[in-house]
Amino acid sequence: MNFKSTEEFKKDFKKLSKKFKTLDGDLTEFKKVLNESPLGIGKHFNVITKTGFIYIIKARFFCKSLKKKDLRIIYAYIENHQTVEIIGIEFIEIYFKGNKENEDKERIKDYLKNV
């Protein structure tokens, strides 16, 4: 599985990783889960939008630095399709629920426009 990140995601991740030291390792574990099941498993994953061959998914992100499940991650799963040569997952946003209630819908719209 190919994993990519948007520039906005990289900024979000860098900012949060200063606060939560285990974030790098937690993302590695999350990628292992996505390798097995790209659309996620159980109630902690929710498909926000599906457009053709792209799924936008919001998931709870478990961080060892936090005892609660207060981080959320938004990512795109791109299925095998003739017009897209990259099949895989692209991370769009990660945020702390204490600072932000919901995902950035404008960022998701911009992402879908540019794909």
N, C-alpha and C. Protein backbone atom coordinates (compact mmCIF):
# COMPACT_ATOMS: atom_id res chain seq x y z
N MET A 1 0.84 -1.18 0.00
CA MET A 1 0.00 0.00 0.00
C MET A 1 0.89 1.24 0.00
N ASN A 2 0.58 2.18 -0.87
CA ASN A 2 1.30 3.45 -0.92
C ASN A 2 0.66 4.44 0.05
N PHE A 3 1.49 5.15 0.81
CA PHE A 3 1.01 6.17 1.72
C PHE A 3 1.62 7.50 1.34
N LYS A 4 0.78 8.53 1.26
CA LYS A 4 1.23 9.88 0.98
C LYS A 4 0.55 10.81 1.98
N SER A 5 1.03 12.05 2.04
CA SER A 5 0.45 13.05 2.92
C SER A 5 0.38 14.38 2.19
N THR A 6 -0.70 15.12 2.44
CA THR A 6 -0.79 16.46 1.90
C THR A 6 0.12 17.38 2.71
N GLU A 7 0.43 18.55 2.16
CA GLU A 7 1.27 19.51 2.89
C GLU A 7 0.58 19.97 4.17
N GLU A 8 -0.74 20.15 4.12
CA GLU A 8 -1.49 20.57 5.31
C GLU A 8 -1.39 19.51 6.40
N PHE A 9 -1.49 18.23 5.99
CA PHE A 9 -1.38 17.15 6.97
C PHE A 9 0.00 17.17 7.63
N LYS A 10 1.03 17.37 6.83
CA LYS A 10 2.39 17.39 7.38
C LYS A 10 2.54 18.49 8.43
N LYS A 11 1.95 19.66 8.17
CA LYS A 11 2.01 20.76 9.14
C LYS A 11 1.24 20.40 10.41
N ASP A 12 0.03 19.84 10.24
CA ASP A 12 -0.77 19.42 11.40
C ASP A 12 -0.02 18.40 12.23
N PHE A 13 0.57 17.42 11.55
CA PHE A 13 1.27 16.33 12.23
C PHE A 13 2.48 16.84 12.99
N LYS A 14 3.24 17.72 12.36
CA LYS A 14 4.44 18.27 13.01
C LYS A 14 4.06 19.04 14.27
N LYS A 15 2.99 19.83 14.18
CA LYS A 15 2.53 20.61 15.33
C LYS A 15 2.08 19.70 16.48
N LEU A 16 1.32 18.66 16.15
CA LEU A 16 0.84 17.74 17.18
C LEU A 16 1.95 16.86 17.74
N SER A 17 2.93 16.51 16.91
CA SER A 17 4.00 15.61 17.38
C SER A 17 4.90 16.29 18.42
N LYS A 18 4.90 17.62 18.44
CA LYS A 18 5.64 18.33 19.49
C LYS A 18 4.95 18.15 20.84
N LYS A 19 3.65 18.04 20.80
CA LYS A 19 2.86 17.89 22.03
C LYS A 19 2.75 16.42 22.46
N PHE A 20 2.58 15.54 21.48
CA PHE A 20 2.40 14.12 21.74
C PHE A 20 3.58 13.35 21.15
N LYS A 21 4.50 12.95 21.99
CA LYS A 21 5.79 12.38 21.55
C LYS A 21 5.67 11.02 20.87
N THR A 22 4.60 10.28 21.12
CA THR A 22 4.47 8.94 20.53
C THR A 22 3.79 8.94 19.16
N LEU A 23 3.51 10.11 18.63
CA LEU A 23 2.72 10.22 17.40
C LEU A 23 3.34 9.50 16.20
N ASP A 24 4.66 9.59 16.04
CA ASP A 24 5.31 8.90 14.91
C ASP A 24 5.06 7.39 14.95
N GLY A 25 5.27 6.80 16.11
CA GLY A 25 5.04 5.36 16.27
C GLY A 25 3.58 5.00 16.11
N ASP A 26 2.71 5.88 16.61
CA ASP A 26 1.27 5.63 16.49
C ASP A 26 0.82 5.64 15.04
N LEU A 27 1.42 6.54 14.22
CA LEU A 27 1.07 6.58 12.80
C LEU A 27 1.55 5.31 12.09
N THR A 28 2.70 4.80 12.49
CA THR A 28 3.20 3.55 11.92
C THR A 28 2.24 2.40 12.21
N GLU A 29 1.74 2.34 13.43
CA GLU A 29 0.75 1.30 13.79
C GLU A 29 -0.54 1.48 13.01
N PHE A 30 -0.97 2.73 12.83
CA PHE A 30 -2.19 3.01 12.09
C PHE A 30 -2.04 2.55 10.63
N LYS A 31 -0.86 2.76 10.06
CA LYS A 31 -0.61 2.32 8.68
C LYS A 31 -0.71 0.80 8.56
N LYS A 32 -0.28 0.08 9.60
CA LYS A 32 -0.40 -1.39 9.59
C LYS A 32 -1.86 -1.81 9.54
N VAL A 33 -2.72 -1.11 10.29
CA VAL A 33 -4.15 -1.40 10.27
C VAL A 33 -4.71 -1.13 8.88
N LEU A 34 -4.32 -0.01 8.29
CA LEU A 34 -4.82 0.35 6.96
C LEU A 34 -4.33 -0.60 5.88
N ASN A 35 -3.16 -1.18 6.05
CA ASN A 35 -2.68 -2.19 5.10
C ASN A 35 -3.61 -3.39 5.06
N GLU A 36 -4.13 -3.76 6.21
CA GLU A 36 -5.04 -4.91 6.30
C GLU A 36 -6.45 -4.56 5.84
N SER A 37 -6.91 -3.37 6.23
CA SER A 37 -8.27 -2.96 5.90
C SER A 37 -8.31 -1.46 5.60
N PRO A 38 -8.14 -1.06 4.34
CA PRO A 38 -8.05 0.37 4.00
C PRO A 38 -9.29 1.18 4.37
N LEU A 39 -10.45 0.55 4.40
CA LEU A 39 -11.66 1.28 4.77
C LEU A 39 -11.92 1.24 6.27
N GLY A 40 -11.05 0.57 7.01
CA GLY A 40 -11.16 0.54 8.46
C GLY A 40 -11.99 -0.61 8.97
N ILE A 41 -11.95 -0.75 10.29
CA ILE A 41 -12.64 -1.85 10.95
C ILE A 41 -13.48 -1.26 12.08
N GLY A 42 -14.73 -1.63 12.14
CA GLY A 42 -15.57 -1.27 13.27
C GLY A 42 -16.08 0.16 13.27
N LYS A 43 -16.54 0.57 14.45
CA LYS A 43 -17.22 1.85 14.59
C LYS A 43 -16.26 3.04 14.65
N HIS A 44 -14.96 2.81 14.70
CA HIS A 44 -13.99 3.90 14.80
C HIS A 44 -13.62 4.49 13.44
N PHE A 45 -14.20 3.96 12.38
CA PHE A 45 -13.97 4.46 11.02
C PHE A 45 -15.30 4.82 10.39
N ASN A 46 -15.34 5.95 9.69
CA ASN A 46 -16.57 6.40 9.07
C ASN A 46 -16.26 6.98 7.69
N VAL A 47 -16.93 6.47 6.67
CA VAL A 47 -16.76 7.01 5.32
C VAL A 47 -17.57 8.30 5.24
N ILE A 48 -16.87 9.42 5.04
CA ILE A 48 -17.53 10.73 4.97
C ILE A 48 -18.09 10.96 3.57
N THR A 49 -17.27 10.67 2.57
CA THR A 49 -17.64 10.92 1.18
C THR A 49 -17.08 9.81 0.31
N LYS A 50 -17.85 9.45 -0.72
CA LYS A 50 -17.36 8.51 -1.72
C LYS A 50 -17.66 9.13 -3.08
N THR A 51 -16.62 9.36 -3.86
CA THR A 51 -16.79 9.89 -5.21
C THR A 51 -16.10 8.95 -6.17
N GLY A 52 -16.85 8.14 -6.84
CA GLY A 52 -16.27 7.20 -7.81
C GLY A 52 -15.34 6.21 -7.15
N PHE A 53 -14.05 6.42 -7.32
CA PHE A 53 -13.05 5.49 -6.81
C PHE A 53 -12.29 6.02 -5.60
N ILE A 54 -12.73 7.17 -5.04
CA ILE A 54 -12.06 7.76 -3.88
C ILE A 54 -13.01 7.77 -2.68
N TYR A 55 -12.53 7.22 -1.58
CA TYR A 55 -13.26 7.25 -0.32
C TYR A 55 -12.56 8.24 0.61
N ILE A 56 -13.30 9.16 1.21
CA ILE A 56 -12.76 10.04 2.25
C ILE A 56 -13.24 9.47 3.58
N ILE A 57 -12.31 9.13 4.45
CA ILE A 57 -12.63 8.43 5.69
C ILE A 57 -12.12 9.21 6.89
N LYS A 58 -12.97 9.27 7.91
CA LYS A 58 -12.61 9.89 9.19
C LYS A 58 -12.48 8.75 10.20
N ALA A 59 -11.39 8.77 10.96
CA ALA A 59 -11.14 7.68 11.90
C ALA A 59 -10.64 8.23 13.23
N ARG A 60 -10.92 7.50 14.28
CA ARG A 60 -10.31 7.80 15.57
C ARG A 60 -8.86 7.36 15.49
N PHE A 61 -7.99 8.21 15.97
CA PHE A 61 -6.56 7.92 15.92
C PHE A 61 -6.08 7.70 17.35
N PHE A 62 -5.65 6.51 17.65
CA PHE A 62 -5.23 6.17 19.00
C PHE A 62 -3.78 6.57 19.22
N CYS A 63 -3.58 7.40 20.22
CA CYS A 63 -2.25 7.92 20.55
C CYS A 63 -1.89 7.44 21.95
N LYS A 64 -0.72 6.84 22.08
CA LYS A 64 -0.28 6.30 23.37
C LYS A 64 -0.06 7.41 24.40
N SER A 65 0.22 8.63 23.93
CA SER A 65 0.42 9.76 24.84
C SER A 65 -0.90 10.21 25.48
N LEU A 66 -2.00 9.87 24.86
CA LEU A 66 -3.32 10.24 25.36
C LEU A 66 -4.04 9.01 25.88
N LYS A 67 -4.73 9.14 26.97
CA LYS A 67 -5.51 8.02 27.48
C LYS A 67 -6.86 7.93 26.77
N LYS A 68 -7.34 9.06 26.29
CA LYS A 68 -8.63 9.10 25.60
C LYS A 68 -8.41 8.99 24.10
N LYS A 69 -9.50 8.88 23.38
CA LYS A 69 -9.45 8.78 21.91
C LYS A 69 -9.78 10.15 21.33
N ASP A 70 -8.93 11.13 21.59
CA ASP A 70 -9.24 12.51 21.24
C ASP A 70 -8.64 12.99 19.93
N LEU A 71 -7.92 12.17 19.21
CA LEU A 71 -7.38 12.58 17.92
C LEU A 71 -8.22 11.97 16.80
N ARG A 72 -8.36 12.73 15.73
CA ARG A 72 -9.06 12.24 14.54
C ARG A 72 -8.13 12.41 13.35
N ILE A 73 -8.27 11.51 12.40
CA ILE A 73 -7.46 11.57 11.19
C ILE A 73 -8.40 11.41 9.99
N ILE A 74 -8.18 12.24 8.99
CA ILE A 74 -8.96 12.18 7.76
C ILE A 74 -8.01 11.73 6.66
N TYR A 75 -8.43 10.72 5.90
CA TYR A 75 -7.59 10.24 4.81
C TYR A 75 -8.43 9.82 3.62
N ALA A 76 -7.78 9.78 2.47
CA ALA A 76 -8.43 9.35 1.24
C ALA A 76 -7.88 7.97 0.87
N TYR A 77 -8.80 7.06 0.57
CA TYR A 77 -8.41 5.75 0.06
C TYR A 77 -8.76 5.74 -1.42
N ILE A 78 -7.75 5.54 -2.25
CA ILE A 78 -7.94 5.55 -3.70
C ILE A 78 -7.89 4.12 -4.20
N GLU A 79 -9.02 3.67 -4.72
CA GLU A 79 -9.11 2.31 -5.26
C GLU A 79 -8.44 2.23 -6.62
N ASN A 80 -8.22 1.03 -7.06
CA ASN A 80 -7.67 0.79 -8.39
C ASN A 80 -8.62 1.37 -9.44
N HIS A 81 -8.10 2.29 -10.25
CA HIS A 81 -8.92 2.92 -11.29
C HIS A 81 -8.03 3.26 -12.48
N GLN A 82 -8.59 3.22 -13.66
CA GLN A 82 -7.80 3.42 -14.88
C GLN A 82 -7.19 4.82 -14.97
N THR A 83 -7.89 5.84 -14.50
CA THR A 83 -7.39 7.22 -14.67
C THR A 83 -6.42 7.64 -13.58
N VAL A 84 -6.29 6.86 -12.52
CA VAL A 84 -5.38 7.20 -11.44
C VAL A 84 -4.31 6.13 -11.35
N GLU A 85 -3.05 6.54 -11.47
CA GLU A 85 -1.98 5.56 -11.46
C GLU A 85 -1.55 5.17 -10.04
N ILE A 86 -1.86 6.00 -9.06
CA ILE A 86 -1.47 5.70 -7.67
C ILE A 86 -2.66 5.10 -6.94
N ILE A 87 -2.46 3.93 -6.42
CA ILE A 87 -3.48 3.28 -5.60
C ILE A 87 -2.94 3.29 -4.18
N GLY A 88 -3.72 3.81 -3.27
CA GLY A 88 -3.23 3.84 -1.91
C GLY A 88 -3.99 4.82 -1.04
N ILE A 89 -3.29 5.34 -0.05
CA ILE A 89 -3.90 6.20 0.95
C ILE A 89 -3.13 7.50 1.02
N GLU A 90 -3.89 8.59 1.08
CA GLU A 90 -3.28 9.91 1.26
C GLU A 90 -3.92 10.56 2.48
N PHE A 91 -3.08 10.92 3.44
CA PHE A 91 -3.57 11.56 4.66
C PHE A 91 -3.85 13.03 4.38
N ILE A 92 -5.02 13.50 4.83
CA ILE A 92 -5.46 14.86 4.54
C ILE A 92 -5.40 15.75 5.78
N GLU A 93 -5.82 15.23 6.92
CA GLU A 93 -5.89 16.06 8.12
C GLU A 93 -5.79 15.21 9.37
N ILE A 94 -5.17 15.76 10.41
CA ILE A 94 -5.17 15.16 11.73
C ILE A 94 -5.41 16.30 12.71
N TYR A 95 -6.28 16.07 13.69
CA TYR A 95 -6.57 17.14 14.64
C TYR A 95 -6.94 16.58 16.01
N PHE A 96 -6.79 17.46 16.99
CA PHE A 96 -7.10 17.14 18.38
C PHE A 96 -8.51 17.62 18.67
N LYS A 97 -9.36 16.73 19.19
CA LYS A 97 -10.76 17.05 19.43
C LYS A 97 -10.93 18.19 20.44
N GLY A 98 -9.96 18.39 21.32
CA GLY A 98 -10.06 19.47 22.30
C GLY A 98 -9.94 20.84 21.67
N ASN A 99 -9.27 20.93 20.51
CA ASN A 99 -9.07 22.21 19.83
C ASN A 99 -10.04 22.44 18.69
N LYS A 100 -10.57 21.36 18.15
CA LYS A 100 -11.38 21.46 16.94
C LYS A 100 -12.44 20.37 16.98
N GLU A 101 -13.69 20.74 16.80
CA GLU A 101 -14.79 19.79 16.93
C GLU A 101 -14.92 18.85 15.73
N ASN A 102 -14.81 19.42 14.50
CA ASN A 102 -15.03 18.63 13.29
C ASN A 102 -13.91 18.85 12.27
N GLU A 103 -13.91 18.00 11.26
CA GLU A 103 -12.92 18.09 10.19
C GLU A 103 -13.13 19.36 9.37
N ASP A 104 -12.11 19.74 8.64
CA ASP A 104 -12.14 20.92 7.78
C ASP A 104 -12.76 20.52 6.44
N LYS A 105 -14.03 20.82 6.26
CA LYS A 105 -14.75 20.40 5.06
C LYS A 105 -14.20 21.09 3.80
N GLU A 106 -13.73 22.32 3.94
CA GLU A 106 -13.14 23.03 2.80
C GLU A 106 -11.86 22.34 2.33
N ARG A 107 -11.07 21.85 3.27
CA ARG A 107 -9.83 21.15 2.91
C ARG A 107 -10.15 19.88 2.14
N ILE A 108 -11.21 19.18 2.54
CA ILE A 108 -11.62 17.96 1.84
C ILE A 108 -12.10 18.29 0.44
N LYS A 109 -12.90 19.36 0.30
CA LYS A 109 -13.38 19.78 -1.02
C LYS A 109 -12.21 20.15 -1.92
N ASP A 110 -11.25 20.90 -1.39
CA ASP A 110 -10.08 21.28 -2.18
C ASP A 110 -9.30 20.05 -2.61
N TYR A 111 -9.17 19.09 -1.72
CA TYR A 111 -8.46 17.86 -2.05
C TYR A 111 -9.14 17.14 -3.21
N LEU A 112 -10.46 17.01 -3.13
CA LEU A 112 -11.20 16.30 -4.17
C LEU A 112 -11.14 17.03 -5.52
N LYS A 113 -11.08 18.36 -5.48
CA LYS A 113 -10.95 19.13 -6.73
C LYS A 113 -9.61 18.87 -7.40
N ASN A 114 -8.57 18.71 -6.60
CA ASN A 114 -7.21 18.58 -7.13
C ASN A 114 -6.82 17.15 -7.51
N VAL A 115 -7.65 16.19 -7.19
CA VAL A 115 -7.31 14.79 -7.52
C VAL A 115 -7.68 14.50 -8.96
